[in-house]
Amino acid sequence: MSFLDMIKNNVVEQFSTGVTMGEMLLSLLVSFLMGLFILIVYRLTFRGVLFSKGFAFSLVLLCMVTAVVIRTISSDLALSLGMVGALSIVRFRTAIKDPVDTIFMFWAIASGIMSGAGLYLPGGLACLVLGVLYYLVTAIYRKHKCPYLLIIRYDPAKTTAVKKALHSLPKYRVKSRVVTRNGGEMTVEVSLGSSETKIIDTVMAIDGVQDASLVSYEGEFGL
């Protein structure tokens, strides 16, 4: 037997082990638990504007589907090559604006890969450690002041008084200012704590201010 035949036989034997129903169900169960843990961490640490239930539940399904794919292609060499070719023509057009959502998708895929490969204990520990560390980081971050958008509509004739009164804010930055014949509007970025949101009452007491709105945002917000 030549050297190439030995390599061919070893590769074929390694990938032709097959997959049993018990192994597939175990991979699905472990990947489901990992995906559910990722979903809980995502829900507890979400800081966006609108929470998407569809995306959150898709993390669990993504983890399970990845585990099925990995478990399937690891059992047969020819099948693995064919599935790689089939998956290479798939194009995903869904736009993900938040980089954190992309990271959670990669986390779900990585957990599914480890579950499908039979690395249950390392995969479970890695998933648990990642979730705990990320939750601690977000918990520490929430203790700091959060950014808000303060939208003020005022009488243009009182512009000087409004600007002077804004100096009483802790720390602010004017993002935009619009003046029309019907009145003026100013958007101010300000960092506030959870107990400082009553500052809007102070703004309403300013001479010339008609109304004010306070909106929480995470760096990007459509107005």
C-alpha atoms as a PDB file:
ATOM      1  CA  MET A   1       0.000   0.000   0.000  1.00  0.00           C
ATOM      2  CA  SER A   2       1.418   3.350  -1.045  1.00  0.00           C
ATOM      3  CA  PHE A   3       1.685   6.409   1.154  1.00  0.00           C
ATOM      4  CA  LEU A   4      -1.160   8.165  -0.700  1.00  0.00           C
ATOM      5  CA  ASP A   5      -3.412   5.148  -0.215  1.00  0.00           C
ATOM      6  CA  MET A   6      -2.691   5.176   3.505  1.00  0.00           C
ATOM      7  CA  ILE A   7      -3.608   8.854   3.757  1.00  0.00           C
ATOM      8  CA  LYS A   8      -6.756   8.302   1.694  1.00  0.00           C
ATOM      9  CA  ASN A   9      -7.889   5.394   3.832  1.00  0.00           C
ATOM     10  CA  ASN A  10      -7.255   7.265   7.081  1.00  0.00           C
ATOM     11  CA  VAL A  11      -9.174  10.306   5.890  1.00  0.00           C
ATOM     12  CA  VAL A  12     -12.095   8.229   4.644  1.00  0.00           C
ATOM     13  CA  GLU A  13     -12.242   6.246   7.891  1.00  0.00           C
ATOM     14  CA  GLN A  14     -12.113   9.402   9.957  1.00  0.00           C
ATOM     15  CA  PHE A  15     -14.995  11.098   8.143  1.00  0.00           C
ATOM     16  CA  SER A  16     -17.115   8.006   7.559  1.00  0.00           C
ATOM     17  CA  THR A  17     -17.956   7.340  11.174  1.00  0.00           C
ATOM     18  CA  GLY A  18     -21.613   8.256  10.663  1.00  0.00           C
ATOM     19  CA  VAL A  19     -23.867  10.037  13.112  1.00  0.00           C
ATOM     20  CA  THR A  20     -26.353   8.412  15.468  1.00  0.00           C
ATOM     21  CA  MET A  21     -29.716   9.773  16.513  1.00  0.00           C
ATOM     22  CA  GLY A  22     -28.515  10.076  20.099  1.00  0.00           C
ATOM     23  CA  GLU A  23     -25.523  12.221  19.104  1.00  0.00           C
ATOM     24  CA  MET A  24     -27.712  14.478  16.974  1.00  0.00           C
ATOM     25  CA  LEU A  25     -30.274  14.951  19.749  1.00  0.00           C
ATOM     26  CA  LEU A  26     -27.538  15.618  22.299  1.00  0.00           C
ATOM     27  CA  SER A  27     -25.993  18.270  20.043  1.00  0.00           C
ATOM     28  CA  LEU A  28     -29.418  19.872  19.550  1.00  0.00           C
ATOM     29  CA  LEU A  29     -30.104  19.890  23.278  1.00  0.00           C
ATOM     30  CA  VAL A  30     -26.744  21.392  24.218  1.00  0.00           C
ATOM     31  CA  SER A  31     -26.934  23.986  21.428  1.00  0.00           C
ATOM     32  CA  PHE A  32     -30.474  24.898  22.524  1.00  0.00           C
ATOM     33  CA  LEU A  33     -29.281  25.520  26.094  1.00  0.00           C
ATOM     34  CA  MET A  34     -26.346  27.588  24.842  1.00  0.00           C
ATOM     35  CA  GLY A  35     -28.590  29.593  22.530  1.00  0.00           C
ATOM     36  CA  LEU A  36     -31.099  30.162  25.329  1.00  0.00           C
ATOM     37  CA  PHE A  37     -28.303  31.440  27.580  1.00  0.00           C
ATOM     38  CA  ILE A  38     -27.141  33.793  24.802  1.00  0.00           C
ATOM     39  CA  LEU A  39     -30.717  35.022  24.385  1.00  0.00           C
ATOM     40  CA  ILE A  40     -30.994  35.781  28.123  1.00  0.00           C
ATOM     41  CA  VAL A  41     -27.692  37.681  28.120  1.00  0.00           C
ATOM     42  CA  TYR A  42     -28.769  39.628  25.028  1.00  0.00           C
ATOM     43  CA  ARG A  43     -32.075  40.582  26.643  1.00  0.00           C
ATOM     44  CA  LEU A  44     -30.486  41.638  29.934  1.00  0.00           C
ATOM     45  CA  THR A  45     -27.766  43.735  28.294  1.00  0.00           C
ATOM     46  CA  PHE A  46     -29.792  45.257  25.444  1.00  0.00           C
ATOM     47  CA  ARG A  47     -29.322  49.033  25.270  1.00  0.00           C
ATOM     48  CA  GLY A  48     -30.779  49.846  21.870  1.00  0.00           C
ATOM     49  CA  VAL A  49     -33.900  51.809  21.018  1.00  0.00           C
ATOM     50  CA  LEU A  50     -36.218  48.984  19.920  1.00  0.00           C
ATOM     51  CA  PHE A  51     -35.851  45.386  21.067  1.00  0.00           C
ATOM     52  CA  SER A  52     -36.383  42.915  18.211  1.00  0.00           C
ATOM     53  CA  LYS A  53     -37.885  39.655  19.431  1.00  0.00           C
ATOM     54  CA  GLY A  54     -37.353  38.105  16.003  1.00  0.00           C
ATOM     55  CA  PHE A  55     -33.601  38.705  16.131  1.00  0.00           C
ATOM     56  CA  ALA A  56     -33.382  37.545  19.752  1.00  0.00           C
ATOM     57  CA  PHE A  57     -35.121  34.217  19.089  1.00  0.00           C
ATOM     58  CA  SER A  58     -33.121  33.748  15.899  1.00  0.00           C
ATOM     59  CA  LEU A  59     -29.974  33.489  18.050  1.00  0.00           C
ATOM     60  CA  VAL A  60     -31.299  30.243  19.559  1.00  0.00           C
ATOM     61  CA  LEU A  61     -32.264  28.861  16.162  1.00  0.00           C
ATOM     62  CA  LEU A  62     -28.934  29.924  14.639  1.00  0.00           C
ATOM     63  CA  CYS A  63     -27.034  28.060  17.346  1.00  0.00           C
ATOM     64  CA  MET A  64     -29.096  24.887  16.806  1.00  0.00           C
ATOM     65  CA  VAL A  65     -28.890  24.979  13.004  1.00  0.00           C
ATOM     66  CA  THR A  66     -25.119  25.463  13.141  1.00  0.00           C
ATOM     67  CA  ALA A  67     -24.821  22.462  15.465  1.00  0.00           C
ATOM     68  CA  VAL A  68     -26.843  20.305  13.028  1.00  0.00           C
ATOM     69  CA  VAL A  69     -24.686  21.390  10.087  1.00  0.00           C
ATOM     70  CA  ILE A  70     -21.407  20.718  11.899  1.00  0.00           C
ATOM     71  CA  ARG A  71     -22.610  17.361  13.229  1.00  0.00           C
ATOM     72  CA  THR A  72     -23.708  16.369   9.714  1.00  0.00           C
ATOM     73  CA  ILE A  73     -20.581  17.374   7.814  1.00  0.00           C
ATOM     74  CA  SER A  74     -18.287  15.829  10.427  1.00  0.00           C
ATOM     75  CA  SER A  75     -19.734  12.374   9.689  1.00  0.00           C
ATOM     76  CA  ASP A  76     -18.990  12.160   5.954  1.00  0.00           C
ATOM     77  CA  LEU A  77     -16.230  13.734   3.851  1.00  0.00           C
ATOM     78  CA  ALA A  78     -18.160  13.817   0.578  1.00  0.00           C
ATOM     79  CA  LEU A  79     -21.208  15.261   2.286  1.00  0.00           C
ATOM     80  CA  SER A  80     -19.132  17.937   3.977  1.00  0.00           C
ATOM     81  CA  LEU A  81     -17.638  19.083   0.669  1.00  0.00           C
ATOM     82  CA  GLY A  82     -21.057  19.146  -0.958  1.00  0.00           C
ATOM     83  CA  MET A  83     -22.597  21.119   1.896  1.00  0.00           C
ATOM     84  CA  VAL A  84     -19.769  23.653   1.848  1.00  0.00           C
ATOM     85  CA  GLY A  85     -20.414  24.201  -1.838  1.00  0.00           C
ATOM     86  CA  ALA A  86     -24.152  24.531  -1.272  1.00  0.00           C
ATOM     87  CA  LEU A  87     -23.768  26.997   1.600  1.00  0.00           C
ATOM     88  CA  SER A  88     -21.297  29.114  -0.384  1.00  0.00           C
ATOM     89  CA  ILE A  89     -24.067  30.232  -2.764  1.00  0.00           C
ATOM     90  CA  VAL A  90     -26.304  31.488   0.049  1.00  0.00           C
ATOM     91  CA  ARG A  91     -26.443  35.263   0.394  1.00  0.00           C
ATOM     92  CA  PHE A  92     -27.821  36.967   3.483  1.00  0.00           C
ATOM     93  CA  ARG A  93     -29.205  40.438   2.755  1.00  0.00           C
ATOM     94  CA  THR A  94     -30.474  41.397   6.200  1.00  0.00           C
ATOM     95  CA  ALA A  95     -28.752  44.579   7.346  1.00  0.00           C
ATOM     96  CA  ILE A  96     -27.487  44.626  10.939  1.00  0.00           C
ATOM     97  CA  LYS A  97     -26.783  48.174  12.079  1.00  0.00           C
ATOM     98  CA  ASP A  98     -25.597  47.490  15.618  1.00  0.00           C
ATOM     99  CA  PRO A  99     -22.123  45.881  15.848  1.00  0.00           C
ATOM    100  CA  VAL A 100     -23.151  44.241  19.129  1.00  0.00           C
ATOM    101  CA  ASP A 101     -25.877  42.276  17.302  1.00  0.00           C
ATOM    102  CA  THR A 102     -23.238  41.001  14.874  1.00  0.00           C
ATOM    103  CA  ILE A 103     -21.063  39.846  17.770  1.00  0.00           C
ATOM    104  CA  PHE A 104     -24.000  37.970  19.293  1.00  0.00           C
ATOM    105  CA  MET A 105     -24.562  36.215  15.957  1.00  0.00           C
ATOM    106  CA  PHE A 106     -20.906  35.121  15.863  1.00  0.00           C
ATOM    107  CA  TRP A 107     -21.255  33.987  19.479  1.00  0.00           C
ATOM    108  CA  ALA A 108     -24.267  31.826  18.587  1.00  0.00           C
ATOM    109  CA  ILE A 109     -22.458  30.366  15.565  1.00  0.00           C
ATOM    110  CA  ALA A 110     -19.333  29.575  17.594  1.00  0.00           C
ATOM    111  CA  SER A 111     -21.412  27.869  20.292  1.00  0.00           C
ATOM    112  CA  GLY A 112     -23.227  25.844  17.640  1.00  0.00           C
ATOM    113  CA  ILE A 113     -19.930  24.780  16.085  1.00  0.00           C
ATOM    114  CA  MET A 114     -18.549  23.550  19.397  1.00  0.00           C
ATOM    115  CA  SER A 115     -21.793  21.745  20.189  1.00  0.00           C
ATOM    116  CA  GLY A 116     -21.898  20.119  16.762  1.00  0.00           C
ATOM    117  CA  ALA A 117     -18.269  19.052  17.092  1.00  0.00           C
ATOM    118  CA  GLY A 118     -19.039  17.287  20.369  1.00  0.00           C
ATOM    119  CA  LEU A 119     -17.070  19.748  22.529  1.00  0.00           C
ATOM    120  CA  TYR A 120     -19.866  20.084  25.046  1.00  0.00           C
ATOM    121  CA  LEU A 121     -17.904  20.893  28.195  1.00  0.00           C
ATOM    122  CA  PRO A 122     -15.416  23.390  26.643  1.00  0.00           C
ATOM    123  CA  GLY A 123     -18.216  24.979  24.632  1.00  0.00           C
ATOM    124  CA  GLY A 124     -20.490  25.297  27.650  1.00  0.00           C
ATOM    125  CA  LEU A 125     -17.752  26.784  29.816  1.00  0.00           C
ATOM    126  CA  ALA A 126     -16.711  29.233  27.107  1.00  0.00           C
ATOM    127  CA  CYS A 127     -20.317  30.301  26.583  1.00  0.00           C
ATOM    128  CA  LEU A 128     -20.850  30.764  30.319  1.00  0.00           C
ATOM    129  CA  VAL A 129     -17.648  32.752  30.851  1.00  0.00           C
ATOM    130  CA  LEU A 130     -18.362  35.023  27.877  1.00  0.00           C
ATOM    131  CA  GLY A 131     -21.874  35.722  29.106  1.00  0.00           C
ATOM    132  CA  VAL A 132     -20.853  36.462  32.688  1.00  0.00           C
ATOM    133  CA  LEU A 133     -17.975  38.749  31.687  1.00  0.00           C
ATOM    134  CA  TYR A 134     -20.075  40.655  29.169  1.00  0.00           C
ATOM    135  CA  TYR A 135     -22.878  41.106  31.696  1.00  0.00           C
ATOM    136  CA  LEU A 136     -20.410  42.458  34.274  1.00  0.00           C
ATOM    137  CA  VAL A 137     -18.990  44.920  31.753  1.00  0.00           C
ATOM    138  CA  THR A 138     -22.443  46.238  30.849  1.00  0.00           C
ATOM    139  CA  ALA A 139     -23.445  46.411  34.519  1.00  0.00           C
ATOM    140  CA  ILE A 140     -20.403  48.569  35.283  1.00  0.00           C
ATOM    141  CA  TYR A 141     -21.096  50.754  32.260  1.00  0.00           C
ATOM    142  CA  ARG A 142     -24.689  51.374  33.318  1.00  0.00           C
ATOM    143  CA  LYS A 143     -23.472  53.021  36.526  1.00  0.00           C
ATOM    144  CA  HIS A 144     -22.015  55.835  34.451  1.00  0.00           C
ATOM    145  CA  LYS A 145     -24.057  58.663  33.028  1.00  0.00           C
ATOM    146  CA  CYS A 146     -25.967  57.909  29.840  1.00  0.00           C
ATOM    147  CA  PRO A 147     -26.235  60.171  26.782  1.00  0.00           C
ATOM    148  CA  TYR A 148     -29.531  61.934  26.148  1.00  0.00           C
ATOM    149  CA  LEU A 149     -30.864  64.228  23.481  1.00  0.00           C
ATOM    150  CA  LEU A 150     -32.588  67.307  24.865  1.00  0.00           C
ATOM    151  CA  ILE A 151     -34.879  68.851  22.232  1.00  0.00           C
ATOM    152  CA  ILE A 152     -35.938  72.394  23.074  1.00  0.00           C
ATOM    153  CA  ARG A 153     -38.511  74.459  21.178  1.00  0.00           C
ATOM    154  CA  TYR A 154     -38.367  78.123  22.066  1.00  0.00           C
ATOM    155  CA  ASP A 155     -39.169  81.653  21.008  1.00  0.00           C
ATOM    156  CA  PRO A 156     -36.368  82.959  18.717  1.00  0.00           C
ATOM    157  CA  ALA A 157     -36.575  86.318  20.453  1.00  0.00           C
ATOM    158  CA  LYS A 158     -35.409  84.613  23.653  1.00  0.00           C
ATOM    159  CA  THR A 159     -32.409  82.853  22.088  1.00  0.00           C
ATOM    160  CA  THR A 160     -29.872  84.643  24.264  1.00  0.00           C
ATOM    161  CA  ALA A 161     -31.748  83.809  27.466  1.00  0.00           C
ATOM    162  CA  VAL A 162     -32.078  80.157  26.456  1.00  0.00           C
ATOM    163  CA  LYS A 163     -28.360  79.810  25.648  1.00  0.00           C
ATOM    164  CA  LYS A 164     -27.445  81.460  28.931  1.00  0.00           C
ATOM    165  CA  ALA A 165     -29.697  79.104  30.865  1.00  0.00           C
ATOM    166  CA  LEU A 166     -28.153  76.060  29.165  1.00  0.00           C
ATOM    167  CA  HIS A 167     -24.890  76.730  30.977  1.00  0.00           C
ATOM    168  CA  SER A 168     -26.527  75.314  34.106  1.00  0.00           C
ATOM    169  CA  LEU A 169     -26.535  71.842  32.515  1.00  0.00           C
ATOM    170  CA  PRO A 170     -23.822  69.421  33.796  1.00  0.00           C
ATOM    171  CA  LYS A 171     -22.175  68.899  30.418  1.00  0.00           C
ATOM    172  CA  TYR A 172     -23.787  69.564  27.082  1.00  0.00           C
ATOM    173  CA  ARG A 173     -23.065  69.995  23.403  1.00  0.00           C
ATOM    174  CA  VAL A 174     -25.339  71.609  20.841  1.00  0.00           C
ATOM    175  CA  LYS A 175     -25.978  69.117  18.026  1.00  0.00           C
ATOM    176  CA  SER A 176     -28.285  71.215  15.841  1.00  0.00           C
ATOM    177  CA  ARG A 177     -30.226  74.480  15.843  1.00  0.00           C
ATOM    178  CA  VAL A 178     -33.126  75.341  13.563  1.00  0.00           C
ATOM    179  CA  VAL A 179     -34.937  78.699  13.450  1.00  0.00           C
ATOM    180  CA  THR A 180     -38.184  79.212  11.498  1.00  0.00           C
ATOM    181  CA  ARG A 181     -40.870  81.877  11.460  1.00  0.00           C
ATOM    182  CA  ASN A 182     -42.937  79.810  13.865  1.00  0.00           C
ATOM    183  CA  GLY A 183     -40.162  79.336  16.395  1.00  0.00           C
ATOM    184  CA  GLY A 184     -36.749  77.800  17.056  1.00  0.00           C
ATOM    185  CA  GLU A 185     -35.624  74.300  17.865  1.00  0.00           C
ATOM    186  CA  MET A 186     -32.351  73.268  19.454  1.00  0.00           C
ATOM    187  CA  THR A 187     -31.041  69.696  19.928  1.00  0.00           C
ATOM    188  CA  VAL A 188     -28.558  69.339  22.761  1.00  0.00           C
ATOM    189  CA  GLU A 189     -26.551  66.248  23.719  1.00  0.00           C
ATOM    190  CA  VAL A 190     -26.239  65.928  27.476  1.00  0.00           C
ATOM    191  CA  SER A 191     -24.954  63.198  29.820  1.00  0.00           C
ATOM    192  CA  LEU A 192     -27.270  62.477  32.746  1.00  0.00           C
ATOM    193  CA  GLY A 193     -27.673  59.913  35.468  1.00  0.00           C
ATOM    194  CA  SER A 194     -30.900  58.069  36.198  1.00  0.00           C
ATOM    195  CA  SER A 195     -31.775  60.560  38.943  1.00  0.00           C
ATOM    196  CA  GLU A 196     -31.007  63.658  36.853  1.00  0.00           C
ATOM    197  CA  THR A 197     -33.726  63.307  34.214  1.00  0.00           C
ATOM    198  CA  LYS A 198     -35.850  65.836  36.128  1.00  0.00           C
ATOM    199  CA  ILE A 199     -33.662  68.463  34.524  1.00  0.00           C
ATOM    200  CA  ILE A 200     -36.349  68.786  31.866  1.00  0.00           C
ATOM    201  CA  ASP A 201     -38.494  70.589  34.475  1.00  0.00           C
ATOM    202  CA  THR A 202     -35.704  73.105  34.902  1.00  0.00           C
ATOM    203  CA  VAL A 203     -35.526  73.636  31.159  1.00  0.00           C
ATOM    204  CA  MET A 204     -39.281  74.201  30.941  1.00  0.00           C
ATOM    205  CA  ALA A 205     -38.941  76.957  33.547  1.00  0.00           C
ATOM    206  CA  ILE A 206     -36.600  78.931  31.269  1.00  0.00           C
ATOM    207  CA  ASP A 207     -38.153  82.095  29.894  1.00  0.00           C
ATOM    208  CA  GLY A 208     -39.029  81.622  26.225  1.00  0.00           C
ATOM    209  CA  VAL A 209     -39.031  77.814  26.160  1.00  0.00           C
ATOM    210  CA  GLN A 210     -42.303  76.494  24.717  1.00  0.00           C
ATOM    211  CA  ASP A 211     -41.745  72.750  25.179  1.00  0.00           C
ATOM    212  CA  ALA A 212     -38.897  70.294  25.721  1.00  0.00           C
ATOM    213  CA  SER A 213     -38.301  66.587  25.125  1.00  0.00           C
ATOM    214  CA  LEU A 214     -35.668  64.276  26.611  1.00  0.00           C
ATOM    215  CA  VAL A 215     -34.730  61.180  24.569  1.00  0.00           C
ATOM    216  CA  SER A 216     -32.246  58.450  25.473  1.00  0.00           C
ATOM    217  CA  TYR A 217     -30.007  57.284  22.638  1.00  0.00           C
ATOM    218  CA  GLU A 218     -26.838  55.260  22.016  1.00  0.00           C
ATOM    219  CA  GLY A 219     -24.878  57.460  19.641  1.00  0.00           C
ATOM    220  CA  GLU A 220     -27.201  57.152  16.609  1.00  0.00           C
ATOM    221  CA  PHE A 221     -30.803  58.267  16.562  1.00  0.00           C
ATOM    222  CA  GLY A 222     -32.967  59.366  13.682  1.00  0.00           C
ATOM    223  CA  LEU A 223     -34.725  62.708  14.200  1.00  0.00           C
END
